[in-house]
Protein backbone atom coordinates (compact mmCIF):
# COMPACT_ATOMS: atom_id res chain seq x y z
CA MET A 1 99.01 81.34 110.58
CA LEU A 2 100.98 80.16 107.54
CA LYS A 3 98.78 82.24 105.22
CA LYS A 4 99.56 85.36 107.26
CA MET A 5 103.28 84.61 107.02
CA LYS A 6 102.98 83.99 103.27
CA ASP A 7 101.14 87.30 102.83
CA GLU A 8 103.82 89.18 104.79
CA ILE A 9 106.61 87.59 102.75
CA GLU A 10 104.85 88.55 99.50
CA LEU A 11 104.43 92.12 100.74
CA LEU A 12 108.11 92.36 101.67
CA SER A 13 109.05 90.91 98.27
CA ARG A 14 106.98 93.59 96.57
CA HIS A 15 108.66 96.34 98.60
CA ILE A 16 112.07 95.00 97.54
CA GLU A 17 110.98 94.73 93.90
CA VAL A 18 109.77 98.35 93.96
CA ALA A 19 113.00 99.48 95.67
CA ARG A 20 115.11 97.78 93.01
CA ALA A 21 113.04 99.31 90.21
CA VAL A 22 113.50 102.78 91.72
CA ALA A 23 117.25 102.17 92.00
CA ASP A 24 117.50 100.94 88.41
CA HIS A 25 115.26 103.55 86.75
CA GLN A 26 115.52 106.67 88.87
CA PRO A 27 114.13 109.22 88.70
CA ILE A 28 110.84 107.44 88.07
CA GLY A 29 107.20 108.19 88.75
CA ILE A 30 104.43 106.07 90.20
CA MET A 31 102.67 105.43 86.90
CA LYS A 32 105.88 104.36 85.17
CA LEU A 33 106.67 102.02 88.08
CA SER A 34 103.17 100.60 87.87
CA GLU A 35 103.62 99.87 84.16
CA LEU A 36 107.15 98.53 84.59
CA LEU A 37 106.21 96.12 87.39
CA ALA A 38 102.69 95.32 86.12
CA LEU A 39 101.21 96.21 89.52
CA PRO A 40 98.27 98.47 90.36
CA SER A 41 99.30 102.01 91.29
CA HIS A 42 97.75 101.72 94.78
CA ARG A 43 100.14 98.87 95.60
CA ILE A 44 103.08 100.84 94.24
CA ARG A 45 102.04 103.84 96.35
CA TYR A 46 101.87 101.74 99.51
CA SER A 47 105.31 100.23 98.90
CA LEU A 48 106.74 103.67 98.17
CA HIS A 49 105.19 105.04 101.36
CA VAL A 50 106.83 102.27 103.39
CA LEU A 51 110.20 102.76 101.68
CA GLU A 52 110.05 106.52 102.18
CA GLN A 53 109.15 106.15 105.86
CA LEU A 54 112.15 103.86 106.29
CA GLY A 55 114.38 106.45 104.62
CA TYR A 56 115.28 104.37 101.56
CA ILE A 57 113.76 106.66 98.92
CA ARG A 58 112.61 110.24 98.58
CA ALA A 59 110.36 112.08 96.19
CA SER A 60 111.76 114.82 93.98
CA ALA A 61 110.32 117.05 91.27
CA GLU A 62 111.75 114.68 88.65
CA GLY A 63 110.44 111.49 90.30
CA LEU A 64 111.44 109.06 93.01
CA LEU A 65 115.08 108.74 93.93
CA GLN A 66 116.95 106.16 95.96
CA LEU A 67 119.05 107.17 98.92
CA HIS A 68 122.54 105.77 99.40
CA SER A 69 121.35 103.52 102.23
CA LEU A 70 119.06 101.67 99.82
CA LYS A 71 121.94 100.87 97.50
CA ASN A 72 123.94 99.40 100.38
CA TYR A 73 120.96 97.47 101.72
CA LEU A 74 120.07 95.84 98.41
CA HIS A 75 123.71 95.26 97.40
CA ILE A 76 123.10 96.95 94.05
């Protein structure tokens, strides 16, 4: 049970790390995020999918952009 909790906390931490990187470097693409955070692109994609579903980011022609709600949530 503790391992499951640890895994969930690590996943949430990654989502927050990706969200902060988008906020700091927007507009930014998946490959650039992958390089910046030293994470495989499939993990970046999953985190971005979650953040987009929650309404914190959106894709644009230039790259990923944060929405105002993300800035308030992360206290950036």
